[in-house]
């Protein structure tokens, strides 16, 4: 029988939403084994006063199998 655990993290990137997700997963994988997937809960664009995007932020839940 497998048991899964879910944690919630926040991550950011100046490049894209996809890069923010990849950075968050890579950093989490440094200390968590058996990552199975991620759900993106929220996405935020940080902007300059002129409306141009300076940073993408995501909140996500990551599931992994507990050994």
PDB file of N, CA and C in Angstrom:
ATOM      1  N   UNK A   1       0.829  -1.171   0.000  1.00  0.00           N
ATOM      2  CA  UNK A   1       0.000   0.000   0.000  1.00  0.00           C
ATOM      3  C   UNK A   1       0.882   1.245   0.000  1.00  0.00           C
ATOM      4  N   UNK A   2       0.562   2.205  -0.853  1.00  0.00           N
ATOM      5  CA  UNK A   2       1.300   3.463  -0.922  1.00  0.00           C
ATOM      6  C   UNK A   2       0.561   4.557  -0.162  1.00  0.00           C
ATOM      7  N   UNK A   3       1.340   5.430   0.448  1.00  0.00           N
ATOM      8  CA  UNK A   3       0.787   6.598   1.126  1.00  0.00           C
ATOM      9  C   UNK A   3       1.410   7.829   0.501  1.00  0.00           C
ATOM     10  N   UNK A   4       0.581   8.783   0.121  1.00  0.00           N
ATOM     11  CA  UNK A   4       1.070  10.019  -0.480  1.00  0.00           C
ATOM     12  C   UNK A   4       0.896  11.178   0.487  1.00  0.00           C
ATOM     13  N   UNK A   5       1.789  12.127   0.390  1.00  0.00           N
ATOM     14  CA  UNK A   5       1.710  13.337   1.194  1.00  0.00           C
ATOM     15  C   UNK A   5       1.692  14.520   0.243  1.00  0.00           C
ATOM     16  N   UNK A   6       1.037  15.604   0.638  1.00  0.00           N
ATOM     17  CA  UNK A   6       0.964  16.811  -0.180  1.00  0.00           C
ATOM     18  C   UNK A   6       1.508  17.984   0.632  1.00  0.00           C
ATOM     19  N   UNK A   7       2.415  18.748   0.015  1.00  0.00           N
ATOM     20  CA  UNK A   7       2.933  19.965   0.640  1.00  0.00           C
ATOM     21  C   UNK A   7       2.605  21.147  -0.270  1.00  0.00           C
ATOM     22  N   UNK A   8       2.583  22.333   0.285  1.00  0.00           N
ATOM     23  CA  UNK A   8       2.311  23.530  -0.513  1.00  0.00           C
ATOM     24  C   UNK A   8       3.540  24.427  -0.491  1.00  0.00           C
ATOM     25  N   UNK A   9       3.930  24.914  -1.686  1.00  0.00           N
ATOM     26  CA  UNK A   9       5.084  25.802  -1.788  1.00  0.00           C
ATOM     27  C   UNK A   9       4.745  26.992  -2.679  1.00  0.00           C
ATOM     28  N   UNK A  10       5.575  28.020  -2.592  1.00  0.00           N
ATOM     29  CA  UNK A  10       5.508  29.176  -3.486  1.00  0.00           C
ATOM     30  C   UNK A  10       6.837  29.275  -4.207  1.00  0.00           C
ATOM     31  N   UNK A  11       6.792  29.693  -5.463  1.00  0.00           N
ATOM     32  CA  UNK A  11       7.999  29.811  -6.270  1.00  0.00           C
ATOM     33  C   UNK A  11       7.830  30.987  -7.227  1.00  0.00           C
ATOM     34  N   UNK A  12       8.966  31.528  -7.711  1.00  0.00           N
ATOM     35  CA  UNK A  12       8.887  32.662  -8.629  1.00  0.00           C
ATOM     36  C   UNK A  12       9.954  32.588  -9.702  1.00  0.00           C
ATOM     37  N   UNK A  13       9.731  33.366 -10.763  1.00  0.00           N
ATOM     38  CA  UNK A  13      10.679  33.452 -11.870  1.00  0.00           C
ATOM     39  C   UNK A  13      10.445  34.760 -12.612  1.00  0.00           C
ATOM     40  N   UNK A  14      11.524  35.395 -13.058  1.00  0.00           N
ATOM     41  CA  UNK A  14      11.358  36.589 -13.890  1.00  0.00           C
ATOM     42  C   UNK A  14      11.023  36.234 -15.343  1.00  0.00           C
ATOM     43  N   UNK A  15      11.122  34.947 -15.702  1.00  0.00           N
ATOM     44  CA  UNK A  15      10.970  34.548 -17.097  1.00  0.00           C
ATOM     45  C   UNK A  15       9.559  34.122 -17.479  1.00  0.00           C
ATOM     46  N   UNK A  16       8.968  33.160 -16.737  1.00  0.00           N
ATOM     47  CA  UNK A  16       7.665  32.630 -17.139  1.00  0.00           C
ATOM     48  C   UNK A  16       7.034  31.837 -15.995  1.00  0.00           C
ATOM     49  N   UNK A  17       5.747  31.537 -16.179  1.00  0.00           N
ATOM     50  CA  UNK A  17       5.032  30.689 -15.223  1.00  0.00           C
ATOM     51  C   UNK A  17       5.654  29.296 -15.217  1.00  0.00           C
ATOM     52  N   UNK A  18       5.924  28.773 -16.402  1.00  0.00           N
ATOM     53  CA  UNK A  18       6.514  27.438 -16.503  1.00  0.00           C
ATOM     54  C   UNK A  18       7.852  27.375 -15.780  1.00  0.00           C
ATOM     55  N   UNK A  19       8.671  28.408 -15.917  1.00  0.00           N
ATOM     56  CA  UNK A  19       9.964  28.424 -15.249  1.00  0.00           C
ATOM     57  C   UNK A  19       9.792  28.499 -13.729  1.00  0.00           C
ATOM     58  N   UNK A  20       8.799  29.237 -13.257  1.00  0.00           N
ATOM     59  CA  UNK A  20       8.532  29.304 -11.816  1.00  0.00           C
ATOM     60  C   UNK A  20       8.164  27.923 -11.280  1.00  0.00           C
ATOM     61  N   UNK A  21       7.347  27.174 -12.041  1.00  0.00           N
ATOM     62  CA  UNK A  21       6.969  25.817 -11.639  1.00  0.00           C
ATOM     63  C   UNK A  21       8.203  24.913 -11.626  1.00  0.00           C
ATOM     64  N   UNK A  22       9.005  24.972 -12.680  1.00  0.00           N
ATOM     65  CA  UNK A  22      10.204  24.132 -12.750  1.00  0.00           C
ATOM     66  C   UNK A  22      11.170  24.437 -11.622  1.00  0.00           C
ATOM     67  N   UNK A  23      11.357  25.715 -11.311  1.00  0.00           N
ATOM     68  CA  UNK A  23      12.258  26.091 -10.219  1.00  0.00           C
ATOM     69  C   UNK A  23      11.755  25.563  -8.880  1.00  0.00           C
ATOM     70  N   UNK A  24      10.439  25.683  -8.646  1.00  0.00           N
ATOM     71  CA  UNK A  24       9.861  25.189  -7.404  1.00  0.00           C
ATOM     72  C   UNK A  24      10.005  23.690  -7.257  1.00  0.00           C
ATOM     73  N   UNK A  25       9.746  22.959  -8.337  1.00  0.00           N
ATOM     74  CA  UNK A  25       9.887  21.500  -8.298  1.00  0.00           C
ATOM     75  C   UNK A  25      11.345  21.088  -8.100  1.00  0.00           C
ATOM     76  N   UNK A  26      12.263  21.765  -8.780  1.00  0.00           N
ATOM     77  CA  UNK A  26      13.688  21.427  -8.648  1.00  0.00           C
ATOM     78  C   UNK A  26      14.177  21.664  -7.222  1.00  0.00           C
ATOM     79  N   UNK A  27      13.781  22.785  -6.639  1.00  0.00           N
ATOM     80  CA  UNK A  27      14.207  23.087  -5.268  1.00  0.00           C
ATOM     81  C   UNK A  27      13.603  22.086  -4.284  1.00  0.00           C
ATOM     82  N   UNK A  28      12.346  21.735  -4.466  1.00  0.00           N
ATOM     83  CA  UNK A  28      11.690  20.761  -3.594  1.00  0.00           C
ATOM     84  C   UNK A  28      12.359  19.397  -3.721  1.00  0.00           C
ATOM     85  N   UNK A  29      12.742  19.020  -4.933  1.00  0.00           N
ATOM     86  CA  UNK A  29      13.369  17.712  -5.172  1.00  0.00           C
ATOM     87  C   UNK A  29      14.718  17.578  -4.471  1.00  0.00           C
ATOM     88  N   UNK A  30      15.315  18.682  -4.047  1.00  0.00           N
ATOM     89  CA  UNK A  30      16.570  18.611  -3.292  1.00  0.00           C
ATOM     90  C   UNK A  30      16.376  17.951  -1.932  1.00  0.00           C
ATOM     91  N   UNK A  31      15.153  18.042  -1.373  1.00  0.00           N
ATOM     92  CA  UNK A  31      14.931  17.471  -0.043  1.00  0.00           C
ATOM     93  C   UNK A  31      13.761  16.481   0.023  1.00  0.00           C
ATOM     94  N   UNK A  32      12.993  16.351  -1.057  1.00  0.00           N
ATOM     95  CA  UNK A  32      11.840  15.454  -1.078  1.00  0.00           C
ATOM     96  C   UNK A  32      12.026  14.438  -2.201  1.00  0.00           C
ATOM     97  N   UNK A  33      11.859  13.148  -1.877  1.00  0.00           N
ATOM     98  CA  UNK A  33      11.976  12.086  -2.877  1.00  0.00           C
ATOM     99  C   UNK A  33      10.597  11.664  -3.371  1.00  0.00           C
ATOM    100  N   UNK A  34      10.566  10.993  -4.497  1.00  0.00           N
ATOM    101  CA  UNK A  34       9.348  10.370  -5.038  1.00  0.00           C
ATOM    102  C   UNK A  34       8.226  11.354  -5.370  1.00  0.00           C
ATOM    103  N   UNK A  35       8.579  12.520  -5.929  1.00  0.00           N
ATOM    104  CA  UNK A  35       7.561  13.482  -6.331  1.00  0.00           C
ATOM    105  C   UNK A  35       6.728  12.869  -7.450  1.00  0.00           C
ATOM    106  N   UNK A  36       5.409  12.976  -7.308  1.00  0.00           N
ATOM    107  CA  UNK A  36       4.490  12.376  -8.274  1.00  0.00           C
ATOM    108  C   UNK A  36       3.791  13.397  -9.160  1.00  0.00           C
ATOM    109  N   UNK A  37       3.624  14.619  -8.675  1.00  0.00           N
ATOM    110  CA  UNK A  37       2.931  15.614  -9.481  1.00  0.00           C
ATOM    111  C   UNK A  37       2.731  16.902  -8.707  1.00  0.00           C
ATOM    112  N   UNK A  38       2.184  17.906  -9.411  1.00  0.00           N
ATOM    113  CA  UNK A  38       1.947  19.209  -8.793  1.00  0.00           C
ATOM    114  C   UNK A  38       0.656  19.814  -9.333  1.00  0.00           C
ATOM    115  N   UNK A  39      -0.052  20.526  -8.465  1.00  0.00           N
ATOM    116  CA  UNK A  39      -1.245  21.277  -8.845  1.00  0.00           C
ATOM    117  C   UNK A  39      -0.921  22.751  -8.665  1.00  0.00           C
ATOM    118  N   UNK A  40      -1.170  23.542  -9.675  1.00  0.00           N
ATOM    119  CA  UNK A  40      -0.932  24.976  -9.576  1.00  0.00           C
ATOM    120  C   UNK A  40      -2.205  25.617  -9.015  1.00  0.00           C
ATOM    121  N   UNK A  41      -2.111  26.152  -7.799  1.00  0.00           N
ATOM    122  CA  UNK A  41      -3.267  26.749  -7.133  1.00  0.00           C
ATOM    123  C   UNK A  41      -3.497  28.188  -7.563  1.00  0.00           C
ATOM    124  N   UNK A  42      -2.431  28.965  -7.601  1.00  0.00           N
ATOM    125  CA  UNK A  42      -2.542  30.385  -7.905  1.00  0.00           C
ATOM    126  C   UNK A  42      -1.384  30.829  -8.777  1.00  0.00           C
ATOM    127  N   UNK A  43      -1.639  31.814  -9.595  1.00  0.00           N
ATOM    128  CA  UNK A  43      -0.611  32.434 -10.414  1.00  0.00           C
ATOM    129  C   UNK A  43      -0.729  33.941 -10.246  1.00  0.00           C
ATOM    130  N   UNK A  44       0.407  34.609 -10.066  1.00  0.00           N
ATOM    131  CA  UNK A  44       0.403  36.060  -9.901  1.00  0.00           C
ATOM    132  C   UNK A  44       1.477  36.665 -10.779  1.00  0.00           C
ATOM    133  N   UNK A  45       1.167  37.789 -11.403  1.00  0.00           N
ATOM    134  CA  UNK A  45       2.152  38.553 -12.168  1.00  0.00           C
ATOM    135  C   UNK A  45       2.478  39.811 -11.374  1.00  0.00           C
ATOM    136  N   UNK A  46       3.753  39.992 -11.054  1.00  0.00           N
ATOM    137  CA  UNK A  46       4.208  41.218 -10.410  1.00  0.00           C
ATOM    138  C   UNK A  46       4.571  42.171 -11.543  1.00  0.00           C
ATOM    139  N   UNK A  47       4.081  43.408 -11.464  1.00  0.00           N
ATOM    140  CA  UNK A  47       4.260  44.340 -12.581  1.00  0.00           C
ATOM    141  C   UNK A  47       4.926  45.642 -12.161  1.00  0.00           C
ATOM    142  N   UNK A  48       5.424  46.335 -13.171  1.00  0.00           N
ATOM    143  CA  UNK A  48       5.888  47.712 -13.008  1.00  0.00           C
ATOM    144  C   UNK A  48       4.658  48.612 -13.146  1.00  0.00           C
ATOM    145  N   UNK A  49       4.777  49.892 -12.804  1.00  0.00           N
ATOM    146  CA  UNK A  49       3.634  50.801 -12.955  1.00  0.00           C
ATOM    147  C   UNK A  49       3.092  50.889 -14.386  1.00  0.00           C
ATOM    148  N   UNK A  50       3.938  50.611 -15.381  1.00  0.00           N
ATOM    149  CA  UNK A  50       3.468  50.674 -16.774  1.00  0.00           C
ATOM    150  C   UNK A  50       2.757  49.392 -17.211  1.00  0.00           C
ATOM    151  N   UNK A  51       2.664  48.405 -16.304  1.00  0.00           N
ATOM    152  CA  UNK A  51       1.959  47.165 -16.615  1.00  0.00           C
ATOM    153  C   UNK A  51       2.832  46.046 -17.131  1.00  0.00           C
ATOM    154  N   UNK A  52       4.108  46.289 -17.333  1.00  0.00           N
ATOM    155  CA  UNK A  52       4.986  45.214 -17.808  1.00  0.00           C
ATOM    156  C   UNK A  52       5.302  44.260 -16.658  1.00  0.00           C
ATOM    157  N   UNK A  53       5.369  42.988 -16.974  1.00  0.00           N
ATOM    158  CA  UNK A  53       5.586  41.941 -15.963  1.00  0.00           C
ATOM    159  C   UNK A  53       7.059  41.874 -15.582  1.00  0.00           C
ATOM    160  N   UNK A  54       7.323  41.899 -14.271  1.00  0.00           N
ATOM    161  CA  UNK A  54       8.696  41.778 -13.773  1.00  0.00           C
ATOM    162  C   UNK A  54       8.973  40.407 -13.169  1.00  0.00           C
ATOM    163  N   UNK A  55       7.918  39.734 -12.706  1.00  0.00           N
ATOM    164  CA  UNK A  55       8.107  38.433 -12.061  1.00  0.00           C
ATOM    165  C   UNK A  55       6.797  37.653 -12.078  1.00  0.00           C
ATOM    166  N   UNK A  56       6.911  36.348 -12.268  1.00  0.00           N
ATOM    167  CA  UNK A  56       5.771  35.430 -12.190  1.00  0.00           C
ATOM    168  C   UNK A  56       5.887  34.652 -10.889  1.00  0.00           C
ATOM    169  N   UNK A  57       4.769  34.527 -10.172  1.00  0.00           N
ATOM    170  CA  UNK A  57       4.762  33.762  -8.922  1.00  0.00           C
ATOM    171  C   UNK A  57       3.666  32.708  -8.991  1.00  0.00           C
ATOM    172  N   UNK A  58       3.966  31.526  -8.460  1.00  0.00           N
ATOM    173  CA  UNK A  58       2.977  30.452  -8.404  1.00  0.00           C
ATOM    174  C   UNK A  58       2.945  29.860  -7.004  1.00  0.00           C
ATOM    175  N   UNK A  59       1.756  29.472  -6.591  1.00  0.00           N
ATOM    176  CA  UNK A  59       1.565  28.657  -5.392  1.00  0.00           C
ATOM    177  C   UNK A  59       1.140  27.297  -5.902  1.00  0.00           C
ATOM    178  N   UNK A  60       1.772  26.254  -5.409  1.00  0.00           N
ATOM    179  CA  UNK A  60       1.427  24.915  -5.886  1.00  0.00           C
ATOM    180  C   UNK A  60       1.483  23.900  -4.767  1.00  0.00           C
ATOM    181  N   UNK A  61       0.713  22.848  -4.970  1.00  0.00           N
ATOM    182  CA  UNK A  61       0.724  21.698  -4.071  1.00  0.00           C
ATOM    183  C   UNK A  61       1.482  20.590  -4.771  1.00  0.00           C
ATOM    184  N   UNK A  62       2.417  19.977  -4.071  1.00  0.00           N
ATOM    185  CA  UNK A  62       3.243  18.901  -4.630  1.00  0.00           C
ATOM    186  C   UNK A  62       2.949  17.622  -3.865  1.00  0.00           C
ATOM    187  N   UNK A  63       2.672  16.557  -4.611  1.00  0.00           N
ATOM    188  CA  UNK A  63       2.418  15.263  -3.960  1.00  0.00           C
ATOM    189  C   UNK A  63       3.622  14.360  -4.141  1.00  0.00           C
ATOM    190  N   UNK A  64       3.870  13.552  -3.123  1.00  0.00           N
ATOM    191  CA  UNK A  64       4.968  12.578  -3.192  1.00  0.00           C
ATOM    192  C   UNK A  64       4.609  11.344  -2.371  1.00  0.00           C
ATOM    193  N   UNK A  65       5.216  10.233  -2.731  1.00  0.00           N
ATOM    194  CA  UNK A  65       4.973   8.961  -2.040  1.00  0.00           C
ATOM    195  C   UNK A  65       5.870   8.887  -0.802  1.00  0.00           C
ATOM    196  N   UNK A  66       5.273   8.549   0.328  1.00  0.00           N
ATOM    197  CA  UNK A  66       6.007   8.410   1.576  1.00  0.00           C
ATOM    198  C   UNK A  66       6.571   6.987   1.643  1.00  0.00           C
ATOM    199  N   UNK A  67       7.840   6.892   1.954  1.00  0.00           N
ATOM    200  CA  UNK A  67       8.488   5.571   2.060  1.00  0.00           C
ATOM    201  C   UNK A  67       8.325   4.995   3.439  1.00  0.00           C
TER     202      UNK A  67
END
